[in-house]
Amino acid sequence: MNTPHKLIALVLPVCLVAACSQRSPATASAPAASGVADAAAGTPCDLLTDAEVRSVFPQAGSGKRNTESLQYGLDRCAWKAADGQIGIEVSKVEAAAFEGELRAELQGTVDPLVQGALEQIRFQPISGIGDHAIAVLEKAGAKRGVYADISLLAIQRGHRMAVLMIHNANADAPLPTLDTLKNLGTALAARL
């Protein structure tokens, strides 16, 4: 799953629901759909309650599952509101590869022509959430080579990886706080 195409859905959550970041079968190396859905947690929509999502976006609708990429080992859910959305993507990951997987995926969020753009993104380890968690909060900036705002918390628990994304519809809106990511991430990790 080390493809920049996967993270396009993470950073541009509109694609999360529309499944515009599907990988081609030629590049897919993830297990079949049953590999993601085997866990007792059910679907990604079961990892947060609507009330938890509405603590960030009060007008958010219920979570809508996107199964179009299950064949590539990606299971997704998104809660949409007029002012933004929250998305979750679940996949399998080897525990030792978690951080490397996240870094590889974030390559799709930076301009490859801006030298050192990926190195400027701050990966903040978060303790007490899942087996391993990393937060990324970065504003978009053409000079820095960051295509879009990044607000995510990646959580590894066992052989599952969940990436929680928060996207504000207004590009001028501040990024969500780290506490907001931690609060949602704690609830999510308990169900992962």
C-alpha atoms as a PDB file:
ATOM      1  CA  MET A   1       0.000   0.000   0.000  1.00  0.00           C
ATOM      2  CA  ASN A   2       2.949   2.314  -0.341  1.00  0.00           C
ATOM      3  CA  THR A   3       1.457   4.460  -3.067  1.00  0.00           C
ATOM      4  CA  PRO A   4       0.949   8.207  -3.103  1.00  0.00           C
ATOM      5  CA  HIS A   5      -2.469   7.570  -4.652  1.00  0.00           C
ATOM      6  CA  LYS A   6      -3.802   6.259  -1.341  1.00  0.00           C
ATOM      7  CA  LEU A   7      -3.071   9.467   0.526  1.00  0.00           C
ATOM      8  CA  ILE A   8      -4.709  11.669  -2.044  1.00  0.00           C
ATOM      9  CA  ALA A   9      -7.921  10.330  -0.500  1.00  0.00           C
ATOM     10  CA  LEU A  10      -6.603  11.092   2.959  1.00  0.00           C
ATOM     11  CA  VAL A  11      -5.739  14.709   2.267  1.00  0.00           C
ATOM     12  CA  LEU A  12      -8.552  15.410  -0.145  1.00  0.00           C
ATOM     13  CA  PRO A  13     -11.411  13.755   1.744  1.00  0.00           C
ATOM     14  CA  VAL A  14     -13.906  14.582  -0.974  1.00  0.00           C
ATOM     15  CA  CYS A  15     -12.194  11.784  -2.879  1.00  0.00           C
ATOM     16  CA  LEU A  16     -12.689   9.564   0.129  1.00  0.00           C
ATOM     17  CA  VAL A  17     -16.396   9.252  -0.604  1.00  0.00           C
ATOM     18  CA  ALA A  18     -16.094   9.423  -4.383  1.00  0.00           C
ATOM     19  CA  ALA A  19     -13.332   6.767  -4.446  1.00  0.00           C
ATOM     20  CA  CYS A  20     -11.236   8.794  -6.846  1.00  0.00           C
ATOM     21  CA  SER A  21      -7.994   7.575  -5.277  1.00  0.00           C
ATOM     22  CA  GLN A  22      -8.387   3.884  -6.088  1.00  0.00           C
ATOM     23  CA  ARG A  23      -5.197   2.111  -6.942  1.00  0.00           C
ATOM     24  CA  SER A  24      -5.011   0.130 -10.123  1.00  0.00           C
ATOM     25  CA  PRO A  25      -5.015  -3.660  -9.797  1.00  0.00           C
ATOM     26  CA  ALA A  26      -1.464  -3.656 -11.147  1.00  0.00           C
ATOM     27  CA  THR A  27      -0.192  -1.751  -8.103  1.00  0.00           C
ATOM     28  CA  ALA A  28      -2.374  -3.397  -5.491  1.00  0.00           C
ATOM     29  CA  SER A  29      -0.512  -5.545  -3.030  1.00  0.00           C
ATOM     30  CA  ALA A  30      -3.010  -5.444  -0.180  1.00  0.00           C
ATOM     31  CA  PRO A  31      -5.093  -8.437   0.844  1.00  0.00           C
ATOM     32  CA  ALA A  32      -8.563  -8.961  -0.568  1.00  0.00           C
ATOM     33  CA  ALA A  33     -11.579  -7.241   0.925  1.00  0.00           C
ATOM     34  CA  SER A  34     -12.128  -9.911   3.535  1.00  0.00           C
ATOM     35  CA  GLY A  35      -8.719  -9.067   5.011  1.00  0.00           C
ATOM     36  CA  VAL A  36      -9.890  -5.624   6.126  1.00  0.00           C
ATOM     37  CA  ALA A  37     -13.395  -6.586   7.160  1.00  0.00           C
ATOM     38  CA  ASP A  38     -12.361  -9.570   9.302  1.00  0.00           C
ATOM     39  CA  ALA A  39     -11.844  -7.506  12.449  1.00  0.00           C
ATOM     40  CA  ALA A  40     -14.481  -7.477  15.158  1.00  0.00           C
ATOM     41  CA  ALA A  41     -14.726  -3.681  14.859  1.00  0.00           C
ATOM     42  CA  GLY A  42     -16.987  -3.954  11.806  1.00  0.00           C
ATOM     43  CA  THR A  43     -16.722  -1.095   9.341  1.00  0.00           C
ATOM     44  CA  PRO A  44     -14.856   2.226   9.616  1.00  0.00           C
ATOM     45  CA  CYS A  45     -18.259   3.844  10.251  1.00  0.00           C
ATOM     46  CA  ASP A  46     -18.388   1.892  13.529  1.00  0.00           C
ATOM     47  CA  LEU A  47     -15.143   3.451  14.786  1.00  0.00           C
ATOM     48  CA  LEU A  48     -16.714   6.822  15.663  1.00  0.00           C
ATOM     49  CA  THR A  49     -20.239   7.665  16.712  1.00  0.00           C
ATOM     50  CA  ASP A  50     -22.193  10.385  14.958  1.00  0.00           C
ATOM     51  CA  ALA A  51     -22.185  12.301  18.262  1.00  0.00           C
ATOM     52  CA  GLU A  52     -18.375  12.170  18.428  1.00  0.00           C
ATOM     53  CA  VAL A  53     -18.138  13.501  14.876  1.00  0.00           C
ATOM     54  CA  ARG A  54     -20.685  16.227  15.643  1.00  0.00           C
ATOM     55  CA  SER A  55     -18.440  17.479  18.442  1.00  0.00           C
ATOM     56  CA  VAL A  56     -16.297  18.831  15.571  1.00  0.00           C
ATOM     57  CA  PHE A  57     -18.906  19.437  12.845  1.00  0.00           C
ATOM     58  CA  PRO A  58     -22.312  19.859  14.576  1.00  0.00           C
ATOM     59  CA  GLN A  59     -24.265  19.580  11.313  1.00  0.00           C
ATOM     60  CA  ALA A  60     -22.520  16.441  10.058  1.00  0.00           C
ATOM     61  CA  GLY A  61     -24.672  13.688   8.649  1.00  0.00           C
ATOM     62  CA  SER A  62     -24.276  10.043   9.537  1.00  0.00           C
ATOM     63  CA  GLY A  63     -21.201   8.188   8.357  1.00  0.00           C
ATOM     64  CA  LYS A  64     -21.345   6.793   4.831  1.00  0.00           C
ATOM     65  CA  ARG A  65     -19.202   3.798   4.016  1.00  0.00           C
ATOM     66  CA  ASN A  66     -17.268   3.611   0.762  1.00  0.00           C
ATOM     67  CA  THR A  67     -16.530   0.025  -0.249  1.00  0.00           C
ATOM     68  CA  GLU A  68     -15.228   0.677  -3.757  1.00  0.00           C
ATOM     69  CA  SER A  69     -11.609   0.026  -2.715  1.00  0.00           C
ATOM     70  CA  LEU A  70     -12.184  -3.034  -0.530  1.00  0.00           C
ATOM     71  CA  GLN A  71     -10.602  -5.207  -3.212  1.00  0.00           C
ATOM     72  CA  TYR A  72      -7.385  -3.263  -2.586  1.00  0.00           C
ATOM     73  CA  GLY A  73      -7.584  -3.624   1.200  1.00  0.00           C
ATOM     74  CA  LEU A  74      -8.943  -0.115   1.882  1.00  0.00           C
ATOM     75  CA  ASP A  75     -12.179   0.408   3.812  1.00  0.00           C
ATOM     76  CA  ARG A  76     -13.475   3.962   4.210  1.00  0.00           C
ATOM     77  CA  CYS A  77     -16.154   6.032   5.894  1.00  0.00           C
ATOM     78  CA  ALA A  78     -16.926   9.764   5.797  1.00  0.00           C
ATOM     79  CA  TRP A  79     -19.189  12.088   7.750  1.00  0.00           C
ATOM     80  CA  LYS A  80     -20.017  15.218   5.721  1.00  0.00           C
ATOM     81  CA  ALA A  81     -21.169  18.667   6.769  1.00  0.00           C
ATOM     82  CA  ALA A  82     -21.392  21.947   4.856  1.00  0.00           C
ATOM     83  CA  ASP A  83     -18.327  23.252   6.713  1.00  0.00           C
ATOM     84  CA  GLY A  84     -16.157  20.152   6.365  1.00  0.00           C
ATOM     85  CA  GLN A  85     -15.921  16.443   6.884  1.00  0.00           C
ATOM     86  CA  ILE A  86     -14.287  13.701   8.879  1.00  0.00           C
ATOM     87  CA  GLY A  87     -13.025  10.575   7.189  1.00  0.00           C
ATOM     88  CA  ILE A  88     -11.527   7.288   8.314  1.00  0.00           C
ATOM     89  CA  GLU A  89      -9.565   4.862   6.185  1.00  0.00           C
ATOM     90  CA  VAL A  90      -8.699   1.405   7.533  1.00  0.00           C
ATOM     91  CA  SER A  91      -6.156  -1.006   6.078  1.00  0.00           C
ATOM     92  CA  LYS A  92      -3.800  -3.758   7.187  1.00  0.00           C
ATOM     93  CA  VAL A  93      -0.238  -2.889   8.156  1.00  0.00           C
ATOM     94  CA  GLU A  94       2.698  -4.657   9.720  1.00  0.00           C
ATOM     95  CA  ALA A  95       3.472  -2.991  13.050  1.00  0.00           C
ATOM     96  CA  ALA A  96       7.118  -2.423  12.126  1.00  0.00           C
ATOM     97  CA  ALA A  97       6.099  -0.702   8.871  1.00  0.00           C
ATOM     98  CA  PHE A  98       3.523   1.714  10.327  1.00  0.00           C
ATOM     99  CA  GLU A  99       5.546   4.943  10.324  1.00  0.00           C
ATOM    100  CA  GLY A 100       7.244   4.173   7.019  1.00  0.00           C
ATOM    101  CA  GLU A 101       3.849   3.493   5.454  1.00  0.00           C
ATOM    102  CA  LEU A 102       2.521   6.839   6.665  1.00  0.00           C
ATOM    103  CA  ARG A 103       5.571   8.722   5.366  1.00  0.00           C
ATOM    104  CA  ALA A 104       5.347   6.999   1.995  1.00  0.00           C
ATOM    105  CA  GLU A 105       1.664   7.848   1.706  1.00  0.00           C
ATOM    106  CA  LEU A 106       2.279  11.504   2.516  1.00  0.00           C
ATOM    107  CA  GLN A 107       4.522  11.807  -0.533  1.00  0.00           C
ATOM    108  CA  GLY A 108       1.309  12.331  -2.490  1.00  0.00           C
ATOM    109  CA  THR A 109       0.593  15.523  -0.543  1.00  0.00           C
ATOM    110  CA  VAL A 110       3.738  17.413  -1.456  1.00  0.00           C
ATOM    111  CA  ASP A 111       5.100  18.918  -4.637  1.00  0.00           C
ATOM    112  CA  PRO A 112       7.957  16.706  -5.851  1.00  0.00           C
ATOM    113  CA  LEU A 113       9.575  19.772  -7.451  1.00  0.00           C
ATOM    114  CA  VAL A 114       9.984  21.505  -4.065  1.00  0.00           C
ATOM    115  CA  GLN A 115      13.163  20.086  -2.598  1.00  0.00           C
ATOM    116  CA  GLY A 116      12.731  18.858   0.985  1.00  0.00           C
ATOM    117  CA  ALA A 117       8.943  19.366   1.036  1.00  0.00           C
ATOM    118  CA  LEU A 118       8.236  16.017   2.714  1.00  0.00           C
ATOM    119  CA  GLU A 119      10.939  16.623   5.335  1.00  0.00           C
ATOM    120  CA  GLN A 120       9.166  19.826   6.385  1.00  0.00           C
ATOM    121  CA  ILE A 121       6.034  17.936   7.394  1.00  0.00           C
ATOM    122  CA  ARG A 122       6.041  17.365  11.152  1.00  0.00           C
ATOM    123  CA  PHE A 123       5.207  13.855  12.346  1.00  0.00           C
ATOM    124  CA  GLN A 124       4.237  14.060  16.004  1.00  0.00           C
ATOM    125  CA  PRO A 125       4.155  10.737  17.898  1.00  0.00           C
ATOM    126  CA  ILE A 126       1.209  10.519  20.292  1.00  0.00           C
ATOM    127  CA  SER A 127       1.372   8.175  23.271  1.00  0.00           C
ATOM    128  CA  GLY A 128      -1.567   6.355  24.816  1.00  0.00           C
ATOM    129  CA  ILE A 129      -3.578   5.874  21.606  1.00  0.00           C
ATOM    130  CA  GLY A 130      -3.501   2.405  20.089  1.00  0.00           C
ATOM    131  CA  ASP A 131      -0.168   0.626  19.824  1.00  0.00           C
ATOM    132  CA  HIS A 132       1.317   3.569  17.960  1.00  0.00           C
ATOM    133  CA  ALA A 133      -0.119   6.899  16.803  1.00  0.00           C
ATOM    134  CA  ILE A 134       1.231   9.814  14.785  1.00  0.00           C
ATOM    135  CA  ALA A 135      -0.440  13.178  14.244  1.00  0.00           C
ATOM    136  CA  VAL A 136       0.208  15.458  11.286  1.00  0.00           C
ATOM    137  CA  LEU A 137      -1.071  19.038  11.281  1.00  0.00           C
ATOM    138  CA  GLU A 138       0.194  21.182   8.392  1.00  0.00           C
ATOM    139  CA  LYS A 139      -1.284  24.164   6.559  1.00  0.00           C
ATOM    140  CA  ALA A 140      -1.050  24.170   2.786  1.00  0.00           C
ATOM    141  CA  GLY A 141       1.665  26.322   1.320  1.00  0.00           C
ATOM    142  CA  ALA A 142       2.938  26.545  -2.247  1.00  0.00           C
ATOM    143  CA  LYS A 143       6.377  27.786  -1.163  1.00  0.00           C
ATOM    144  CA  ARG A 144       6.767  24.817   1.186  1.00  0.00           C
ATOM    145  CA  GLY A 145       5.344  22.448  -1.433  1.00  0.00           C
ATOM    146  CA  VAL A 146       2.333  21.269   0.603  1.00  0.00           C
ATOM    147  CA  TYR A 147      -0.676  20.912  -1.720  1.00  0.00           C
ATOM    148  CA  ALA A 148      -3.512  21.001   0.834  1.00  0.00           C
ATOM    149  CA  ASP A 149      -4.086  21.328   4.563  1.00  0.00           C
ATOM    150  CA  ILE A 150      -3.204  18.095   6.358  1.00  0.00           C
ATOM    151  CA  SER A 151      -4.999  17.245   9.560  1.00  0.00           C
ATOM    152  CA  LEU A 152      -4.751  13.586  10.411  1.00  0.00           C
ATOM    153  CA  LEU A 153      -4.063  11.066  13.103  1.00  0.00           C
ATOM    154  CA  ALA A 154      -2.741   7.675  11.998  1.00  0.00           C
ATOM    155  CA  ILE A 155      -3.285   4.882  14.508  1.00  0.00           C
ATOM    156  CA  GLN A 156      -1.840   1.384  14.456  1.00  0.00           C
ATOM    157  CA  ARG A 157      -3.358  -1.335  16.592  1.00  0.00           C
ATOM    158  CA  GLY A 158      -2.234  -4.879  15.963  1.00  0.00           C
ATOM    159  CA  HIS A 159      -2.166  -5.358  12.204  1.00  0.00           C
ATOM    160  CA  ARG A 160      -4.703  -2.625  11.480  1.00  0.00           C
ATOM    161  CA  MET A 161      -4.019   0.974  10.574  1.00  0.00           C
ATOM    162  CA  ALA A 162      -6.701   3.645  10.744  1.00  0.00           C
ATOM    163  CA  VAL A 163      -6.163   7.140   9.450  1.00  0.00           C
ATOM    164  CA  LEU A 164      -8.523   9.769  10.839  1.00  0.00           C
ATOM    165  CA  MET A 165      -8.745  12.912   8.699  1.00  0.00           C
ATOM    166  CA  ILE A 166     -10.458  16.206   9.404  1.00  0.00           C
ATOM    167  CA  HIS A 167     -11.042  18.544   6.475  1.00  0.00           C
ATOM    168  CA  ASN A 168     -12.424  22.081   6.814  1.00  0.00           C
ATOM    169  CA  ALA A 169     -14.305  23.262   3.715  1.00  0.00           C
ATOM    170  CA  ASN A 170     -13.012  26.805   4.271  1.00  0.00           C
ATOM    171  CA  ALA A 171      -9.329  26.919   3.332  1.00  0.00           C
ATOM    172  CA  ASP A 172      -8.875  29.940   5.626  1.00  0.00           C
ATOM    173  CA  ALA A 173     -10.128  28.033   8.671  1.00  0.00           C
ATOM    174  CA  PRO A 174      -7.495  27.096  11.232  1.00  0.00           C
ATOM    175  CA  LEU A 175      -6.448  23.477  11.459  1.00  0.00           C
ATOM    176  CA  PRO A 176      -8.213  21.388  14.078  1.00  0.00           C
ATOM    177  CA  THR A 177      -6.335  21.246  17.357  1.00  0.00           C
ATOM    178  CA  LEU A 178      -4.169  18.352  18.408  1.00  0.00           C
ATOM    179  CA  ASP A 179      -6.588  17.821  21.315  1.00  0.00           C
ATOM    180  CA  THR A 180      -9.448  17.389  18.826  1.00  0.00           C
ATOM    181  CA  LEU A 181      -7.475  14.699  16.991  1.00  0.00           C
ATOM    182  CA  LYS A 182      -6.524  13.017  20.269  1.00  0.00           C
ATOM    183  CA  ASN A 183     -10.121  12.977  21.570  1.00  0.00           C
ATOM    184  CA  LEU A 184     -11.476  11.402  18.401  1.00  0.00           C
ATOM    185  CA  GLY A 185      -8.437   9.134  18.081  1.00  0.00           C
ATOM    186  CA  THR A 186      -8.823   7.771  21.600  1.00  0.00           C
ATOM    187  CA  ALA A 187     -12.431   6.776  20.902  1.00  0.00           C
ATOM    188  CA  LEU A 188     -11.491   5.335  17.497  1.00  0.00           C
ATOM    189  CA  ALA A 189      -8.533   3.307  18.807  1.00  0.00           C
ATOM    190  CA  ALA A 190     -10.687   1.694  21.500  1.00  0.00           C
ATOM    191  CA  ARG A 191     -12.904   0.272  18.728  1.00  0.00           C
ATOM    192  CA  LEU A 192     -10.188  -0.551  16.188  1.00  0.00           C
END
